[in-house]
Protein backbone atom coordinates (compact mmCIF):
# COMPACT_ATOMS: atom_id res chain seq x y z
CA UNK A 1 -10.81 -16.76 -20.19
CA UNK A 2 -7.76 -14.67 -19.27
CA UNK A 3 -5.37 -15.85 -16.60
CA UNK A 4 -5.97 -14.45 -13.13
CA UNK A 5 -2.83 -12.91 -11.64
CA UNK A 6 -2.57 -13.63 -7.92
CA UNK A 7 -6.05 -15.05 -8.32
CA UNK A 8 -7.10 -15.34 -4.72
CA UNK A 9 -5.78 -11.95 -3.67
CA UNK A 10 -7.45 -10.29 -6.62
CA UNK A 11 -10.76 -12.07 -6.09
CA UNK A 12 -11.10 -10.74 -2.54
CA UNK A 13 -10.14 -7.28 -3.71
CA UNK A 14 -12.86 -7.55 -6.35
CA UNK A 15 -15.33 -8.49 -3.64
CA UNK A 16 -14.53 -5.45 -1.49
CA UNK A 17 -14.33 -3.39 -4.66
CA UNK A 18 -18.06 -3.89 -5.16
CA UNK A 19 -19.67 -1.27 -2.93
CA UNK A 20 -22.76 -3.32 -2.19
CA UNK A 21 -20.65 -6.26 -1.04
CA UNK A 22 -18.48 -3.84 0.92
CA UNK A 23 -21.51 -2.64 2.88
CA UNK A 24 -22.33 -6.30 3.59
CA UNK A 25 -18.79 -6.75 4.90
CA UNK A 26 -19.24 -3.83 7.31
CA UNK A 27 -22.64 -5.10 8.41
CA UNK A 28 -21.53 -8.71 8.89
CA UNK A 29 -18.08 -8.35 10.42
CA UNK A 30 -17.68 -4.89 11.98
CA UNK A 31 -19.60 -4.32 15.22
CA UNK A 32 -20.28 -0.59 14.84
CA UNK A 33 -23.97 0.20 14.54
CA UNK A 34 -23.58 3.47 12.61
CA UNK A 35 -21.82 1.58 9.80
CA UNK A 36 -24.65 -0.86 9.18
CA UNK A 37 -26.82 1.57 7.21
CA UNK A 38 -24.19 3.00 4.86
CA UNK A 39 -25.39 3.65 1.31
CA UNK A 40 -23.10 2.19 -1.40
CA UNK A 41 -23.39 5.53 -3.20
CA UNK A 42 -21.51 7.18 -0.31
CA UNK A 43 -18.42 5.00 -0.79
CA UNK A 44 -15.36 6.01 -2.80
CA UNK A 45 -12.44 3.67 -3.49
CA UNK A 46 -9.18 5.60 -3.14
CA UNK A 47 -6.79 2.64 -3.01
CA UNK A 48 -4.75 3.74 -5.99
CA UNK A 49 -3.69 6.93 -4.23
CA UNK A 50 -1.64 4.98 -1.71
CA UNK A 51 -0.44 1.65 -3.09
CA UNK A 52 2.28 3.16 -5.32
CA UNK A 53 3.88 4.62 -2.17
CA UNK A 54 4.81 1.15 -0.92
CA UNK A 55 7.69 -0.74 -2.47
CA UNK A 56 5.89 -4.07 -2.03
CA UNK A 57 2.82 -2.69 -3.84
CA UNK A 58 0.62 -5.40 -2.46
CA UNK A 59 -2.35 -5.51 -4.81
CA UNK A 60 -4.87 -6.89 -2.33
CA UNK A 61 -5.02 -3.94 0.08
CA UNK A 62 -8.06 -1.66 0.02
CA UNK A 63 -8.52 1.98 1.07
CA UNK A 64 -11.98 3.57 0.98
CA UNK A 65 -13.51 6.89 1.90
CA UNK A 66 -17.06 6.77 3.26
CA UNK A 67 -19.04 10.01 3.38
CA UNK A 68 -21.23 9.80 6.46
CA UNK A 69 -24.47 11.71 6.83
CA UNK A 70 -23.74 15.26 7.91
CA UNK A 71 -20.63 15.57 5.76
CA UNK A 72 -18.03 13.96 8.03
CA UNK A 73 -16.04 11.27 6.23
CA UNK A 74 -14.32 8.29 7.69
CA UNK A 75 -11.71 6.11 6.09
CA UNK A 76 -11.48 2.33 5.86
CA UNK A 77 -8.18 0.52 5.37
CA UNK A 78 -8.10 -3.21 4.81
CA UNK A 79 -5.08 -5.48 4.50
CA UNK A 80 -6.06 -8.81 3.00
CA UNK A 81 -3.83 -11.65 4.17
CA UNK A 82 -3.94 -15.02 2.43
CA UNK A 83 -0.52 -16.46 3.13
CA UNK A 84 -0.02 -19.49 5.36
CA UNK A 85 2.25 -17.37 7.58
CA UNK A 86 0.98 -14.53 9.76
CA UNK A 87 2.11 -11.03 8.78
CA UNK A 88 3.68 -9.64 11.95
CA UNK A 89 4.27 -6.27 10.26
CA UNK A 90 0.54 -5.62 9.96
CA UNK A 91 0.31 -3.09 12.82
CA UNK A 92 3.27 -1.06 11.51
CA UNK A 93 1.93 -1.16 7.97
CA UNK A 94 -1.40 0.12 9.29
CA UNK A 95 0.43 2.96 11.04
CA UNK A 96 1.99 3.93 7.70
CA UNK A 97 -1.37 3.76 5.94
CA UNK A 98 -3.13 5.84 8.60
CA UNK A 99 -0.47 8.57 8.42
CA UNK A 100 -0.70 8.68 4.63
CA UNK A 101 -4.50 8.76 4.61
CA UNK A 102 -4.69 11.58 7.15
CA UNK A 103 -1.95 13.52 5.38
CA UNK A 104 -3.88 13.20 2.12
CA UNK A 105 -7.05 14.39 3.85
CA UNK A 106 -5.25 17.35 5.40
CA UNK A 107 -4.00 18.47 1.98
CA UNK A 108 -7.48 18.11 0.54
CA UNK A 109 -9.17 20.13 3.27
CA UNK A 110 -6.49 22.84 3.24
CA UNK A 111 -6.97 23.11 -0.50
CA UNK A 112 -10.60 24.01 0.07
CA UNK A 113 -9.97 26.41 2.96
CA UNK A 114 -6.36 27.51 3.38
CA UNK A 115 -4.61 26.24 6.54
CA UNK A 116 -7.84 25.14 8.21
CA UNK A 117 -5.98 22.09 9.55
CA UNK A 118 -3.83 24.44 11.64
CA UNK A 119 -6.81 25.88 13.51
CA UNK A 120 -7.79 24.90 17.05
CA UNK A 121 -11.17 23.39 16.18
CA UNK A 122 -9.98 21.24 13.27
CA UNK A 123 -10.29 17.48 13.87
CA UNK A 124 -9.01 14.62 11.79
CA UNK A 125 -11.51 12.05 10.52
CA UNK A 126 -11.60 8.54 12.02
CA UNK A 127 -9.82 5.68 10.29
CA UNK A 128 -10.97 2.08 10.63
CA UNK A 129 -8.05 -0.34 10.04
CA UNK A 130 -9.03 -3.95 9.32
CA UNK A 131 -7.00 -7.09 8.63
CA UNK A 132 -8.94 -9.82 6.88
CA UNK A 133 -7.24 -13.21 7.27
CA UNK A 134 -8.40 -16.46 5.69
CA UNK A 135 -5.37 -18.62 6.39
CA UNK A 136 -5.80 -21.95 8.14
CA UNK A 137 -3.58 -21.17 11.13
CA UNK A 138 -4.37 -18.87 14.05
CA UNK A 139 -3.50 -15.18 13.66
CA UNK A 140 -0.87 -14.54 16.33
CA UNK A 141 0.38 -11.05 15.41
CA UNK A 142 -0.21 -8.16 17.81
CA UNK A 143 -3.25 -6.08 16.90
CA UNK A 144 -2.09 -3.05 18.94
CA UNK A 145 1.00 -1.19 17.75
CA UNK A 146 1.87 -0.38 21.38
CA UNK A 147 2.65 -4.03 22.03
CA UNK A 148 4.87 -4.17 18.96
CA UNK A 149 7.19 -1.53 20.44
CA UNK A 150 10.16 -2.09 22.73
CA UNK A 151 10.01 -0.67 26.30
CA UNK A 152 6.36 0.16 25.81
CA UNK A 153 5.70 0.43 29.55
CA UNK A 154 8.36 3.14 29.93
CA UNK A 155 7.45 5.08 26.78
CA UNK A 156 3.74 4.21 26.68
CA UNK A 157 2.46 7.80 26.52
CA UNK A 158 4.58 8.49 23.43
CA UNK A 159 3.62 5.41 21.39
CA UNK A 160 0.58 5.19 19.08
CA UNK A 161 -1.92 2.86 20.76
CA UNK A 162 -4.36 2.15 17.94
CA UNK A 163 -5.60 -1.37 17.24
CA UNK A 164 -6.63 -2.82 13.93
CA UNK A 165 -9.79 -4.91 13.71
CA UNK A 166 -9.00 -8.54 12.93
CA UNK A 167 -11.51 -10.48 10.84
CA UNK A 168 -10.26 -14.07 10.86
CA UNK A 169 -12.40 -16.26 8.64
CA UNK A 170 -11.50 -19.50 10.39
CA UNK A 171 -13.19 -18.16 13.55
CA UNK A 172 -16.53 -18.18 11.71
CA UNK A 173 -18.28 -21.50 11.17
CA UNK A 174 -20.37 -22.18 8.08
CA UNK A 175 -23.45 -21.85 10.30
CA UNK A 176 -22.27 -18.41 11.42
CA UNK A 177 -21.90 -17.31 7.80
CA UNK A 178 -25.26 -18.79 6.76
CA UNK A 179 -26.95 -16.58 9.38
CA UNK A 180 -25.78 -13.48 7.52
CA UNK A 181 -27.91 -14.65 4.59
CA UNK A 182 -26.31 -12.34 2.01
CA UNK A 183 -24.16 -12.63 -1.12
CA UNK A 184 -20.95 -12.08 0.81
CA UNK A 185 -21.76 -14.97 3.14
CA UNK A 186 -21.79 -17.38 0.20
CA UNK A 187 -18.45 -16.08 -1.05
CA UNK A 188 -16.94 -16.49 2.41
CA UNK A 189 -18.31 -20.03 2.63
CA UNK A 190 -16.65 -20.83 -0.68
CA UNK A 191 -13.42 -19.26 0.58
CA UNK A 192 -13.41 -21.69 3.52
CA UNK A 193 -13.08 -24.69 1.18
CA UNK A 194 -9.47 -25.85 1.36
CA UNK A 195 -9.46 -29.19 -0.48
CA UNK A 196 -11.01 -30.65 -3.68
CA UNK A 197 -13.21 -33.08 -1.77
CA UNK A 198 -14.55 -30.31 0.46
CA UNK A 199 -16.62 -28.48 -2.13
CA UNK A 200 -19.36 -31.10 -2.56
CA UNK A 201 -19.65 -31.69 1.19
CA UNK A 202 -19.91 -28.03 2.11
CA UNK A 203 -22.40 -27.04 -0.57
CA UNK A 204 -24.49 -30.17 0.03
CA UNK A 205 -24.91 -29.25 3.71
CA UNK A 206 -26.13 -25.69 3.13
CA UNK A 207 -29.76 -25.23 4.25
CA UNK A 208 -32.37 -25.23 1.48
CA UNK A 209 -33.96 -21.98 2.68
CA UNK A 210 -30.54 -20.28 2.57
CA UNK A 211 -30.06 -21.37 -1.04
CA UNK A 212 -33.54 -20.20 -1.98
CA UNK A 213 -32.93 -16.83 -0.33
CA UNK A 214 -29.69 -16.35 -2.25
CA UNK A 215 -31.33 -17.30 -5.56
CA UNK A 216 -34.00 -14.64 -4.98
CA UNK A 217 -31.78 -11.86 -3.68
CA UNK A 218 -28.49 -11.98 -5.57
CA UNK A 219 -28.68 -9.35 -8.33
CA UNK A 220 -27.98 -10.18 -11.95
CA UNK A 221 -24.97 -7.86 -12.07
CA UNK A 222 -23.09 -9.95 -9.49
CA UNK A 223 -23.23 -13.17 -11.50
CA UNK A 224 -19.93 -12.41 -13.24
CA UNK A 225 -18.21 -11.60 -9.96
CA UNK A 226 -19.48 -14.81 -8.37
CA UNK A 227 -18.36 -16.76 -11.44
CA UNK A 228 -14.88 -15.25 -11.04
CA UNK A 229 -14.79 -16.38 -7.41
CA UNK A 230 -15.80 -19.89 -8.48
CA UNK A 231 -13.04 -19.80 -11.09
CA UNK A 232 -10.50 -18.97 -8.40
CA UNK A 233 -11.85 -21.70 -6.13
CA UNK A 234 -11.63 -24.43 -8.76
CA UNK A 235 -8.22 -23.27 -9.97
CA UNK A 236 -6.98 -23.37 -6.37
CA UNK A 237 -7.94 -27.05 -6.10
CA UNK A 238 -6.35 -27.84 -9.47
CA UNK A 239 -9.43 -28.39 -11.65
CA UNK A 240 -8.28 -28.21 -15.33
CA UNK A 241 -8.86 -24.89 -17.02
CA UNK A 242 -11.13 -26.19 -19.80
CA UNK A 243 -13.44 -27.74 -17.22
CA UNK A 244 -13.56 -24.47 -15.27
CA UNK A 245 -14.55 -22.63 -18.44
CA UNK A 246 -17.50 -24.95 -19.05
CA UNK A 247 -18.79 -24.60 -15.50
CA UNK A 248 -18.33 -20.83 -15.33
CA UNK A 249 -20.21 -20.42 -18.59
CA UNK A 250 -23.15 -22.31 -17.09
CA UNK A 251 -23.13 -20.14 -13.95
CA UNK A 252 -23.09 -16.92 -15.97
CA UNK A 253 -25.88 -18.08 -18.27
CA UNK A 254 -28.21 -19.79 -15.79
CA UNK A 255 -27.63 -17.92 -12.53
CA UNK A 256 -27.00 -18.71 -8.91
CA UNK A 257 -28.90 -22.02 -8.82
CA UNK A 258 -26.34 -23.55 -11.17
CA UNK A 259 -23.65 -22.87 -8.58
CA UNK A 260 -25.16 -25.41 -6.25
CA UNK A 261 -24.91 -28.07 -8.94
CA UNK A 262 -21.20 -28.08 -8.11
CA UNK A 263 -21.97 -30.65 -5.43
CA UNK A 264 -22.77 -33.06 -8.29
CA UNK A 265 -19.82 -31.87 -10.34
CA UNK A 266 -18.32 -34.73 -12.31
CA UNK A 267 -14.83 -33.96 -13.58
CA UNK A 268 -14.86 -36.63 -16.25
CA UNK A 269 -18.33 -35.67 -17.47
CA UNK A 270 -17.29 -32.03 -17.71
CA UNK A 271 -14.25 -33.07 -19.71
CA UNK A 272 -16.47 -35.01 -22.09
CA UNK A 273 -18.80 -32.03 -22.45
CA UNK A 274 -15.93 -29.71 -23.28
CA UNK A 275 -14.48 -32.19 -25.76
CA UNK A 276 -17.82 -32.88 -27.47
CA UNK A 277 -18.66 -29.20 -27.85
CA UNK A 278 -15.37 -28.65 -29.65
CA UNK A 279 -15.78 -31.75 -31.80
CA UNK A 280 -19.28 -30.73 -32.88
CA UNK A 281 -17.89 -27.41 -34.07
CA UNK A 282 -15.13 -29.25 -35.93
CA UNK A 283 -17.66 -31.50 -37.63
CA UNK A 284 -19.62 -28.49 -38.86
CA UNK A 285 -16.44 -26.91 -40.24
CA UNK A 286 -15.55 -30.11 -42.07
CA UNK A 287 -18.96 -30.34 -43.71
CA UNK A 288 -18.91 -26.65 -44.57
CA UNK A 289 -15.34 -26.27 -45.82
CA UNK A 290 -14.40 -29.72 -47.10
CA UNK A 291 -17.85 -30.55 -48.47
CA UNK A 292 -17.90 -33.96 -46.81
CA UNK A 293 -21.14 -35.64 -45.86
CA UNK A 294 -22.30 -35.58 -42.27
CA UNK A 295 -21.51 -39.28 -41.93
CA UNK A 296 -17.98 -38.78 -43.25
CA UNK A 297 -17.41 -35.92 -40.83
CA UNK A 298 -18.60 -38.03 -37.91
CA UNK A 299 -16.29 -40.84 -38.89
CA UNK A 300 -13.30 -38.52 -39.37
CA UNK A 301 -13.69 -37.20 -35.85
CA UNK A 302 -14.67 -40.54 -34.31
CA UNK A 303 -18.01 -39.12 -33.21
CA UNK A 304 -20.94 -41.43 -32.59
CA UNK A 305 -24.41 -41.56 -34.07
CA UNK A 306 -25.61 -39.95 -30.84
CA UNK A 307 -23.68 -36.82 -31.85
CA UNK A 308 -25.40 -36.66 -35.27
CA UNK A 309 -28.40 -34.69 -34.03
CA UNK A 310 -26.18 -32.02 -32.46
CA UNK A 311 -24.19 -31.68 -35.68
CA UNK A 312 -27.36 -31.43 -37.76
CA UNK A 313 -28.85 -28.86 -35.41
CA UNK A 314 -25.73 -26.70 -35.65
CA UNK A 315 -25.61 -27.03 -39.46
CA UNK A 316 -29.23 -25.94 -39.70
CA UNK A 317 -28.62 -23.08 -37.27
CA UNK A 318 -25.77 -21.79 -39.46
CA UNK A 319 -27.68 -22.48 -42.71
CA UNK A 320 -24.89 -24.74 -43.96
CA UNK A 321 -25.94 -26.97 -46.89
CA UNK A 322 -25.15 -30.67 -46.34
CA UNK A 323 -25.88 -34.23 -47.32
CA UNK A 324 -26.26 -37.01 -44.81
CA UNK A 325 -24.30 -39.77 -46.55
CA UNK A 326 -24.28 -43.40 -45.58
């Protein structure tokens, strides 16, 4: 499994990069009724148009265009914050993004009908700026750019007064997230786990009907994405990489129900499983290439008689000729 660069940032960008999960985000966290019925097919990710314009090139920001019914688009900008410290530049960064998005739209529309943006009836599309924050501390940055500006009472009429929508995960309890009952809710629940001993407790306390609902409703295509999120979670709490690989493989092969077996996750047992799988393969190679008996291969690798059946099964599966030995 390849290394995940800036794993947590990238995992949340992957989540919002999936248009079905993005519609769940709008439905769950943004209190605007007209956004709750958006079709994933009407969403276009245009992030790459804007990120190269920033020196910091933060790879967890998201910019989307949503084509509303009737032909009017609106734009969604999300800054994903995962650091322990609050980003007090968020309102100014949003101002930059909004200007760039509207400028890009103006060029697009003028390209279709020359100088239409200069006409009296032309209106710019709305932009929804959102900061998603999953840090443990309280978000204390100003959400309105007006309040980030000196002498704002004197110059109020000349200062942009937009606010960004703050979605702070620590303001949502697990019960709040369970009520959403969708795939995104599970991912957000996982994101709330901050310590190795928290994973079993949190997953063990999830309601049975919630788990059953997820197992029935999460589509097959999202299994890989969910497995990636689990990978990030376990890496964050310092589970060894080989153990993560074993667990992720099970999730991808067996589906969502296997995820809830994490509450019974035994680090040492997983290590033994990973070791034994590799040793079984080595035993087969020894019998095949060195022409040793099965017994000799078991002894060479310090495998037990309990491992014999697995070795024999693999030899038969690969049609490798062998002798048992004594």
